[in-house]
Amino acid sequence: MDLDLSGRRALITGSSGGIGRAIAQRLAEEGCAVVVHGRDRGRAEEAAAQISATGAQCSSVVGDLTRADDTDRICDEVAELGGVDIVVANAGPFVENSWDTAAPDDWAAAFEGNVFSTVRLVRRLTPTMREKGWGRVLTIGTRATVTPLATMVEYSAAKAAVVNMTVSLSQHLAGSGVTANCVSPGVILTPSMRSMFSVRPENAGLAWEDIEPAVTADYAPNPVGRLGRPDDIASAIAFLASPLADYITGVELRVDGGITGVC
């Protein structure tokens, strides 16, 4: 399906690897000029080079979005490229903490990295979108916005704030041609997760296809019966970023295999 994204430019934060990298690749495949972002210059430039090698237009920006001066510089660099039509606020640090271990500073860091960093981007990038009469703001939540994780209490709360903020933003942008939506992933299979389970003694010599059903049942039981993939999130983002989703705004789309409500 042609998502009619050719000629648009998208900034994807935290896209030098993982889910963000998959989103950048998918939007590039759909014809977007992509701006990769990361905190490590080497990784960001490598990701941009790999995407460019497929024939797509891709550049990179580097900086720490928890720093206001870095965010301003990144937005200035994006403006020099011609601005963006789509911003995907994917960067969102997390650590494992319970109520017993999460100190006030941990809560502050979770909100700085997930909420305030997005607010700064939105305030800088949406005015130009509104002037053009078209744009997309896409945030990343988590299934924990509905079912908070006992081992990620401050992260779960910060992501719930991201969802609330996205709905509020959609109302603020009403009538402008700019939409705001949130995609909330479930448990996504990353290389580190695959390695963690593959090296367990009981899984020695087994192919991942044989390991995954048991991992899913124990770690993330869901109706679909598998763990998510970065491409699952990228596909949802690509649709919501496209003109085909003009009538969708202010939603949280859970891409979690149905795990929400199960556990």
C-alpha atoms as a PDB file:
ATOM      1  CA  MET A   1       0.000   0.000   0.000  1.00  0.00           C
ATOM      2  CA  ASP A   2       1.281   3.458  -0.906  1.00  0.00           C
ATOM      3  CA  LEU A   3       1.060   5.591   2.237  1.00  0.00           C
ATOM      4  CA  ASP A   4       1.550   8.797   0.242  1.00  0.00           C
ATOM      5  CA  LEU A   5       4.532   9.883   2.332  1.00  0.00           C
ATOM      6  CA  SER A   6       6.903  10.650  -0.518  1.00  0.00           C
ATOM      7  CA  GLY A   7       8.415  14.093  -0.153  1.00  0.00           C
ATOM      8  CA  ARG A   8       7.754  14.424   3.577  1.00  0.00           C
ATOM      9  CA  ARG A   9      10.576  14.853   6.074  1.00  0.00           C
ATOM     10  CA  ALA A  10      10.564  13.055   9.438  1.00  0.00           C
ATOM     11  CA  LEU A  11      12.664  13.425  12.581  1.00  0.00           C
ATOM     12  CA  ILE A  12      12.776  10.281  14.710  1.00  0.00           C
ATOM     13  CA  THR A  13      14.398  10.757  18.088  1.00  0.00           C
ATOM     14  CA  GLY A  14      16.397   7.911  19.574  1.00  0.00           C
ATOM     15  CA  SER A  15      16.663   6.252  16.171  1.00  0.00           C
ATOM     16  CA  SER A  16      20.271   5.068  16.058  1.00  0.00           C
ATOM     17  CA  GLY A  17      19.035   1.619  17.130  1.00  0.00           C
ATOM     18  CA  GLY A  18      16.102  -0.469  18.320  1.00  0.00           C
ATOM     19  CA  ILE A  19      12.514   0.570  17.678  1.00  0.00           C
ATOM     20  CA  GLY A  20      13.542   4.046  16.553  1.00  0.00           C
ATOM     21  CA  ARG A  21      15.879   2.619  13.937  1.00  0.00           C
ATOM     22  CA  ALA A  22      13.077   0.416  12.574  1.00  0.00           C
ATOM     23  CA  ILE A  23      10.760   3.434  12.396  1.00  0.00           C
ATOM     24  CA  ALA A  24      13.360   5.465  10.512  1.00  0.00           C
ATOM     25  CA  GLN A  25      13.917   2.644   8.041  1.00  0.00           C
ATOM     26  CA  ARG A  26      10.201   2.151   7.435  1.00  0.00           C
ATOM     27  CA  LEU A  27       9.505   5.834   6.877  1.00  0.00           C
ATOM     28  CA  ALA A  28      12.471   5.987   4.496  1.00  0.00           C
ATOM     29  CA  GLU A  29      11.030   3.050   2.565  1.00  0.00           C
ATOM     30  CA  GLU A  30       7.789   4.999   2.259  1.00  0.00           C
ATOM     31  CA  GLY A  31       9.622   7.892   0.614  1.00  0.00           C
ATOM     32  CA  CYS A  32      10.281  10.160   3.597  1.00  0.00           C
ATOM     33  CA  ALA A  33      13.472  12.106   3.944  1.00  0.00           C
ATOM     34  CA  VAL A  34      14.563  10.886   7.360  1.00  0.00           C
ATOM     35  CA  VAL A  35      16.535  12.619  10.106  1.00  0.00           C
ATOM     36  CA  VAL A  36      18.108  10.099  12.480  1.00  0.00           C
ATOM     37  CA  HIS A  37      18.813  11.258  16.020  1.00  0.00           C
ATOM     38  CA  GLY A  38      21.022   9.814  18.722  1.00  0.00           C
ATOM     39  CA  ARG A  39      23.276  10.824  21.575  1.00  0.00           C
ATOM     40  CA  ASP A  40      26.281   8.952  20.154  1.00  0.00           C
ATOM     41  CA  ARG A  41      27.563  10.511  16.937  1.00  0.00           C
ATOM     42  CA  GLY A  42      29.132   7.330  15.635  1.00  0.00           C
ATOM     43  CA  ARG A  43      25.972   5.252  16.020  1.00  0.00           C
ATOM     44  CA  ALA A  44      23.718   7.968  14.594  1.00  0.00           C
ATOM     45  CA  GLU A  45      25.916   8.516  11.553  1.00  0.00           C
ATOM     46  CA  GLU A  46      26.218   4.763  10.981  1.00  0.00           C
ATOM     47  CA  ALA A  47      22.430   4.335  11.060  1.00  0.00           C
ATOM     48  CA  ALA A  48      21.993   7.268   8.676  1.00  0.00           C
ATOM     49  CA  ALA A  49      24.597   5.842   6.313  1.00  0.00           C
ATOM     50  CA  GLN A  50      22.873   2.453   6.262  1.00  0.00           C
ATOM     51  CA  ILE A  51      19.531   4.038   5.435  1.00  0.00           C
ATOM     52  CA  SER A  52      21.111   6.276   2.790  1.00  0.00           C
ATOM     53  CA  ALA A  53      22.672   3.187   1.206  1.00  0.00           C
ATOM     54  CA  THR A  54      19.158   1.965   0.348  1.00  0.00           C
ATOM     55  CA  GLY A  55      18.669   5.031  -1.834  1.00  0.00           C
ATOM     56  CA  ALA A  56      16.748   7.078   0.721  1.00  0.00           C
ATOM     57  CA  GLN A  57      17.494  10.656   1.708  1.00  0.00           C
ATOM     58  CA  CYS A  58      18.803  10.531   5.273  1.00  0.00           C
ATOM     59  CA  SER A  59      20.787  12.760   7.593  1.00  0.00           C
ATOM     60  CA  SER A  60      21.617  12.713  11.281  1.00  0.00           C
ATOM     61  CA  VAL A  61      21.548  15.026  14.280  1.00  0.00           C
ATOM     62  CA  VAL A  62      23.213  14.413  17.621  1.00  0.00           C
ATOM     63  CA  GLY A  63      22.391  15.622  21.099  1.00  0.00           C
ATOM     64  CA  ASP A  64      20.904  14.967  24.513  1.00  0.00           C
ATOM     65  CA  LEU A  65      17.215  15.882  24.489  1.00  0.00           C
ATOM     66  CA  THR A  66      17.166  16.228  28.257  1.00  0.00           C
ATOM     67  CA  ARG A  67      19.255  19.383  27.721  1.00  0.00           C
ATOM     68  CA  ALA A  68      17.349  22.431  26.504  1.00  0.00           C
ATOM     69  CA  ASP A  69      20.396  23.838  24.650  1.00  0.00           C
ATOM     70  CA  ASP A  70      20.938  20.555  22.785  1.00  0.00           C
ATOM     71  CA  THR A  71      17.260  20.445  21.827  1.00  0.00           C
ATOM     72  CA  ASP A  72      17.403  24.013  20.497  1.00  0.00           C
ATOM     73  CA  ARG A  73      20.497  23.208  18.450  1.00  0.00           C
ATOM     74  CA  ILE A  74      18.911  20.050  17.011  1.00  0.00           C
ATOM     75  CA  CYS A  75      15.783  21.977  16.042  1.00  0.00           C
ATOM     76  CA  ASP A  76      17.927  24.663  14.408  1.00  0.00           C
ATOM     77  CA  GLU A  77      19.756  21.996  12.384  1.00  0.00           C
ATOM     78  CA  VAL A  78      16.441  20.482  11.341  1.00  0.00           C
ATOM     79  CA  ALA A  79      15.203  23.921  10.266  1.00  0.00           C
ATOM     80  CA  GLU A  80      18.298  24.327   8.080  1.00  0.00           C
ATOM     81  CA  LEU A  81      17.332  21.085   6.335  1.00  0.00           C
ATOM     82  CA  GLY A  82      13.945  22.569   5.523  1.00  0.00           C
ATOM     83  CA  GLY A  83      12.045  21.646   8.655  1.00  0.00           C
ATOM     84  CA  VAL A  84      10.047  18.507   9.296  1.00  0.00           C
ATOM     85  CA  ASP A  85       6.495  17.409   8.591  1.00  0.00           C
ATOM     86  CA  ILE A  86       6.625  14.500  11.023  1.00  0.00           C
ATOM     87  CA  VAL A  87       8.231  14.186  14.435  1.00  0.00           C
ATOM     88  CA  VAL A  88       8.369  10.829  16.210  1.00  0.00           C
ATOM     89  CA  ALA A  89       9.304  11.329  19.857  1.00  0.00           C
ATOM     90  CA  ASN A  90      10.730   7.867  20.376  1.00  0.00           C
ATOM     91  CA  ALA A  91      13.602   8.637  22.754  1.00  0.00           C
ATOM     92  CA  GLY A  92      12.582   7.649  26.270  1.00  0.00           C
ATOM     93  CA  PRO A  93      15.051   6.295  28.835  1.00  0.00           C
ATOM     94  CA  PHE A  94      13.992   3.791  31.456  1.00  0.00           C
ATOM     95  CA  VAL A  95      15.504   2.019  34.436  1.00  0.00           C
ATOM     96  CA  GLU A  96      14.120  -0.676  36.695  1.00  0.00           C
ATOM     97  CA  ASN A  97      12.866   0.658  40.010  1.00  0.00           C
ATOM     98  CA  SER A  98      10.182  -0.322  42.495  1.00  0.00           C
ATOM     99  CA  TRP A  99       8.440   1.993  44.945  1.00  0.00           C
ATOM    100  CA  ASP A 100      11.101   0.980  47.452  1.00  0.00           C
ATOM    101  CA  THR A 101      14.044   1.868  45.235  1.00  0.00           C
ATOM    102  CA  ALA A 102      12.775   4.823  43.163  1.00  0.00           C
ATOM    103  CA  ALA A 103      14.072   8.017  44.741  1.00  0.00           C
ATOM    104  CA  PRO A 104      12.590  11.429  43.903  1.00  0.00           C
ATOM    105  CA  ASP A 105      15.522  12.055  41.573  1.00  0.00           C
ATOM    106  CA  ASP A 106      14.628   8.878  39.646  1.00  0.00           C
ATOM    107  CA  TRP A 107      11.094  10.164  39.169  1.00  0.00           C
ATOM    108  CA  ALA A 108      12.429  13.510  38.002  1.00  0.00           C
ATOM    109  CA  ALA A 109      14.770  11.815  35.516  1.00  0.00           C
ATOM    110  CA  ALA A 110      11.936   9.678  34.110  1.00  0.00           C
ATOM    111  CA  PHE A 111       9.780  12.728  33.491  1.00  0.00           C
ATOM    112  CA  GLU A 112      12.699  14.739  32.111  1.00  0.00           C
ATOM    113  CA  GLY A 113      13.605  12.030  29.604  1.00  0.00           C
ATOM    114  CA  ASN A 114      10.100  11.052  28.537  1.00  0.00           C
ATOM    115  CA  VAL A 115       7.851  14.070  29.054  1.00  0.00           C
ATOM    116  CA  PHE A 116       9.780  17.329  29.210  1.00  0.00           C
ATOM    117  CA  SER A 117      12.065  16.401  26.307  1.00  0.00           C
ATOM    118  CA  THR A 118       8.998  15.841  24.129  1.00  0.00           C
ATOM    119  CA  VAL A 119       7.417  19.104  25.256  1.00  0.00           C
ATOM    120  CA  ARG A 120      10.520  21.014  24.168  1.00  0.00           C
ATOM    121  CA  LEU A 121      10.473  19.385  20.727  1.00  0.00           C
ATOM    122  CA  VAL A 122       6.768  20.003  20.250  1.00  0.00           C
ATOM    123  CA  ARG A 123       7.040  23.651  21.191  1.00  0.00           C
ATOM    124  CA  ARG A 124       9.837  24.181  18.676  1.00  0.00           C
ATOM    125  CA  LEU A 125       8.610  22.073  15.755  1.00  0.00           C
ATOM    126  CA  THR A 126       4.814  22.353  15.631  1.00  0.00           C
ATOM    127  CA  PRO A 127       4.551  26.097  14.835  1.00  0.00           C
ATOM    128  CA  THR A 128       6.062  25.501  11.382  1.00  0.00           C
ATOM    129  CA  MET A 129       3.783  22.503  10.831  1.00  0.00           C
ATOM    130  CA  ARG A 130       0.793  24.695  11.650  1.00  0.00           C
ATOM    131  CA  GLU A 131       1.977  27.337   9.190  1.00  0.00           C
ATOM    132  CA  LYS A 132       2.149  24.665   6.476  1.00  0.00           C
ATOM    133  CA  GLY A 133      -1.282  23.320   7.441  1.00  0.00           C
ATOM    134  CA  TRP A 134      -0.110  19.719   7.768  1.00  0.00           C
ATOM    135  CA  GLY A 135       1.965  17.717  10.195  1.00  0.00           C
ATOM    136  CA  ARG A 136       2.213  14.718  12.485  1.00  0.00           C
ATOM    137  CA  VAL A 137       3.345  14.434  16.092  1.00  0.00           C
ATOM    138  CA  LEU A 138       3.778  10.833  17.191  1.00  0.00           C
ATOM    139  CA  THR A 139       4.752   9.863  20.700  1.00  0.00           C
ATOM    140  CA  ILE A 140       5.728   6.481  22.111  1.00  0.00           C
ATOM    141  CA  GLY A 141       4.004   5.136  25.208  1.00  0.00           C
ATOM    142  CA  THR A 142       4.038   1.637  26.665  1.00  0.00           C
ATOM    143  CA  ARG A 143       1.496  -0.970  27.622  1.00  0.00           C
ATOM    144  CA  ALA A 144       2.398   0.036  31.196  1.00  0.00           C
ATOM    145  CA  THR A 145       0.370   3.231  30.823  1.00  0.00           C
ATOM    146  CA  VAL A 146      -2.671   1.087  31.621  1.00  0.00           C
ATOM    147  CA  THR A 147      -1.073  -1.696  33.646  1.00  0.00           C
ATOM    148  CA  PRO A 148       1.844  -0.093  35.561  1.00  0.00           C
ATOM    149  CA  LEU A 149       4.878  -2.299  35.955  1.00  0.00           C
ATOM    150  CA  ALA A 150       5.921  -2.867  39.572  1.00  0.00           C
ATOM    151  CA  THR A 151       9.572  -2.855  38.493  1.00  0.00           C
ATOM    152  CA  MET A 152       9.328   0.374  36.448  1.00  0.00           C
ATOM    153  CA  VAL A 153       7.095   2.594  38.543  1.00  0.00           C
ATOM    154  CA  GLU A 154       8.405   6.008  37.564  1.00  0.00           C
ATOM    155  CA  TYR A 155       8.741   5.037  33.884  1.00  0.00           C
ATOM    156  CA  SER A 156       5.153   3.757  33.817  1.00  0.00           C
ATOM    157  CA  ALA A 157       3.900   7.014  35.333  1.00  0.00           C
ATOM    158  CA  ALA A 158       5.931   9.155  32.941  1.00  0.00           C
ATOM    159  CA  LYS A 159       4.579   7.278  29.939  1.00  0.00           C
ATOM    160  CA  ALA A 160       1.027   7.701  31.242  1.00  0.00           C
ATOM    161  CA  ALA A 161       1.759  11.421  31.262  1.00  0.00           C
ATOM    162  CA  VAL A 162       2.950  11.156  27.653  1.00  0.00           C
ATOM    163  CA  VAL A 163      -0.415   9.696  26.624  1.00  0.00           C
ATOM    164  CA  ASN A 164      -2.339  12.399  28.479  1.00  0.00           C
ATOM    165  CA  MET A 165      -0.089  15.070  26.996  1.00  0.00           C
ATOM    166  CA  THR A 166      -0.625  13.706  23.472  1.00  0.00           C
ATOM    167  CA  VAL A 167      -4.409  13.881  23.803  1.00  0.00           C
ATOM    168  CA  SER A 168      -4.122  17.425  25.152  1.00  0.00           C
ATOM    169  CA  LEU A 169      -1.861  18.365  22.250  1.00  0.00           C
ATOM    170  CA  SER A 170      -4.321  16.974  19.717  1.00  0.00           C
ATOM    171  CA  GLN A 171      -6.976  19.294  21.143  1.00  0.00           C
ATOM    172  CA  HIS A 172      -4.584  22.242  21.026  1.00  0.00           C
ATOM    173  CA  LEU A 173      -3.829  21.515  17.362  1.00  0.00           C
ATOM    174  CA  ALA A 174      -7.491  21.167  16.376  1.00  0.00           C
ATOM    175  CA  GLY A 175      -8.253  22.562  12.946  1.00  0.00           C
ATOM    176  CA  SER A 176      -4.607  23.112  12.043  1.00  0.00           C
ATOM    177  CA  GLY A 177      -4.055  20.038   9.865  1.00  0.00           C
ATOM    178  CA  VAL A 178      -1.577  18.701  12.438  1.00  0.00           C
ATOM    179  CA  THR A 179      -2.494  15.554  14.340  1.00  0.00           C
ATOM    180  CA  ALA A 180      -1.036  14.048  17.509  1.00  0.00           C
ATOM    181  CA  ASN A 181      -1.205  10.346  18.369  1.00  0.00           C
ATOM    182  CA  CYS A 182       0.586   7.879  20.634  1.00  0.00           C
ATOM    183  CA  VAL A 183       1.693   4.309  19.894  1.00  0.00           C
ATOM    184  CA  SER A 184       2.172   2.111  22.963  1.00  0.00           C
ATOM    185  CA  PRO A 185       4.307  -0.994  22.403  1.00  0.00           C
ATOM    186  CA  GLY A 186       4.011  -4.205  24.348  1.00  0.00           C
ATOM    187  CA  VAL A 187       7.029  -6.456  24.958  1.00  0.00           C
ATOM    188  CA  ILE A 188       9.286  -6.023  21.924  1.00  0.00           C
ATOM    189  CA  LEU A 189      11.954  -8.548  21.011  1.00  0.00           C
ATOM    190  CA  THR A 190      15.318  -6.826  20.953  1.00  0.00           C
ATOM    191  CA  PRO A 191      18.716  -8.432  20.268  1.00  0.00           C
ATOM    192  CA  SER A 192      19.603  -8.226  23.963  1.00  0.00           C
ATOM    193  CA  MET A 193      16.368  -9.927  24.986  1.00  0.00           C
ATOM    194  CA  ARG A 194      16.883 -12.711  22.442  1.00  0.00           C
ATOM    195  CA  SER A 195      20.436 -13.234  23.701  1.00  0.00           C
ATOM    196  CA  MET A 196      19.320 -13.235  27.347  1.00  0.00           C
ATOM    197  CA  PHE A 197      16.927 -16.122  26.814  1.00  0.00           C
ATOM    198  CA  SER A 198      18.950 -18.005  24.188  1.00  0.00           C
ATOM    199  CA  VAL A 199      21.945 -18.478  26.514  1.00  0.00           C
ATOM    200  CA  ARG A 200      19.908 -20.073  29.285  1.00  0.00           C
ATOM    201  CA  PRO A 201      20.933 -23.705  29.844  1.00  0.00           C
ATOM    202  CA  GLU A 202      17.469 -25.097  29.143  1.00  0.00           C
ATOM    203  CA  ASN A 203      17.510 -23.430  25.707  1.00  0.00           C
ATOM    204  CA  ALA A 204      20.961 -24.618  24.632  1.00  0.00           C
ATOM    205  CA  GLY A 205      20.947 -25.723  20.989  1.00  0.00           C
ATOM    206  CA  LEU A 206      17.363 -24.619  20.350  1.00  0.00           C
ATOM    207  CA  ALA A 207      16.315 -22.306  17.546  1.00  0.00           C
ATOM    208  CA  TRP A 208      14.592 -19.084  18.579  1.00  0.00           C
ATOM    209  CA  GLU A 209      11.368 -20.326  16.982  1.00  0.00           C
ATOM    210  CA  ASP A 210      11.349 -23.119  19.548  1.00  0.00           C
ATOM    211  CA  ILE A 211      12.272 -20.846  22.456  1.00  0.00           C
ATOM    212  CA  GLU A 212       9.845 -18.005  21.865  1.00  0.00           C
ATOM    213  CA  PRO A 213       6.541 -19.769  22.740  1.00  0.00           C
ATOM    214  CA  ALA A 214       7.755 -20.597  26.254  1.00  0.00           C
ATOM    215  CA  VAL A 215       9.275 -17.139  26.729  1.00  0.00           C
ATOM    216  CA  THR A 216       6.025 -15.537  25.635  1.00  0.00           C
ATOM    217  CA  ALA A 217       3.936 -17.706  27.954  1.00  0.00           C
ATOM    218  CA  ASP A 218       6.143 -16.969  30.953  1.00  0.00           C
ATOM    219  CA  TYR A 219       7.205 -13.394  30.291  1.00  0.00           C
ATOM    220  CA  ALA A 220       4.484 -11.769  28.191  1.00  0.00           C
ATOM    221  CA  PRO A 221       1.379 -13.931  27.680  1.00  0.00           C
ATOM    222  CA  ASN A 222      -0.818 -12.402  24.999  1.00  0.00           C
ATOM    223  CA  PRO A 223      -3.530 -13.533  22.563  1.00  0.00           C
ATOM    224  CA  VAL A 224      -1.278 -13.265  19.503  1.00  0.00           C
ATOM    225  CA  GLY A 225       1.154 -15.718  21.111  1.00  0.00           C
ATOM    226  CA  ARG A 226       4.494 -14.092  20.309  1.00  0.00           C
ATOM    227  CA  LEU A 227       6.688 -11.198  21.310  1.00  0.00           C
ATOM    228  CA  GLY A 228       6.458  -7.986  19.331  1.00  0.00           C
ATOM    229  CA  ARG A 229       9.002  -6.906  16.756  1.00  0.00           C
ATOM    230  CA  PRO A 230      10.334  -3.391  16.106  1.00  0.00           C
ATOM    231  CA  ASP A 231       8.718  -3.585  12.666  1.00  0.00           C
ATOM    232  CA  ASP A 232       5.304  -3.990  14.319  1.00  0.00           C
ATOM    233  CA  ILE A 233       5.722  -0.577  15.901  1.00  0.00           C
ATOM    234  CA  ALA A 234       7.216   0.918  12.759  1.00  0.00           C
ATOM    235  CA  SER A 235       4.208  -0.150  10.695  1.00  0.00           C
ATOM    236  CA  ALA A 236       1.780   1.492  13.111  1.00  0.00           C
ATOM    237  CA  ILE A 237       3.823   4.691  13.139  1.00  0.00           C
ATOM    238  CA  ALA A 238       4.032   4.768   9.335  1.00  0.00           C
ATOM    239  CA  PHE A 239       0.257   4.555   8.991  1.00  0.00           C
ATOM    240  CA  LEU A 240      -0.452   7.236  11.596  1.00  0.00           C
ATOM    241  CA  ALA A 241       2.188   9.459   9.980  1.00  0.00           C
ATOM    242  CA  SER A 242       0.508   9.197   6.602  1.00  0.00           C
ATOM    243  CA  PRO A 243      -2.286  11.233   5.006  1.00  0.00           C
ATOM    244  CA  LEU A 244      -4.402   8.074   5.232  1.00  0.00           C
ATOM    245  CA  ALA A 245      -4.717   8.807   8.968  1.00  0.00           C
ATOM    246  CA  ASP A 246      -5.988  12.377   8.543  1.00  0.00           C
ATOM    247  CA  TYR A 247      -9.117  11.587  10.578  1.00  0.00           C
ATOM    248  CA  ILE A 248      -7.232  10.056  13.510  1.00  0.00           C
ATOM    249  CA  THR A 249      -5.955  12.237  16.311  1.00  0.00           C
ATOM    250  CA  GLY A 250      -5.713  12.080  20.084  1.00  0.00           C
ATOM    251  CA  VAL A 251      -5.569   8.284  20.224  1.00  0.00           C
ATOM    252  CA  GLU A 252      -3.340   5.803  22.035  1.00  0.00           C
ATOM    253  CA  LEU A 253      -2.835   2.825  19.752  1.00  0.00           C
ATOM    254  CA  ARG A 254      -1.668  -0.179  21.756  1.00  0.00           C
ATOM    255  CA  VAL A 255       0.521  -2.481  19.658  1.00  0.00           C
ATOM    256  CA  ASP A 256       1.000  -5.162  22.278  1.00  0.00           C
ATOM    257  CA  GLY A 257      -0.456  -8.414  20.981  1.00  0.00           C
ATOM    258  CA  GLY A 258      -3.430  -7.885  23.282  1.00  0.00           C
ATOM    259  CA  ILE A 259      -1.369  -8.164  26.466  1.00  0.00           C
ATOM    260  CA  THR A 260      -3.097  -5.162  28.033  1.00  0.00           C
ATOM    261  CA  GLY A 261      -5.885  -6.542  30.166  1.00  0.00           C
ATOM    262  CA  VAL A 262      -4.305 -10.002  30.247  1.00  0.00           C
ATOM    263  CA  CYS A 263      -1.440  -9.228  32.631  1.00  0.00           C
END
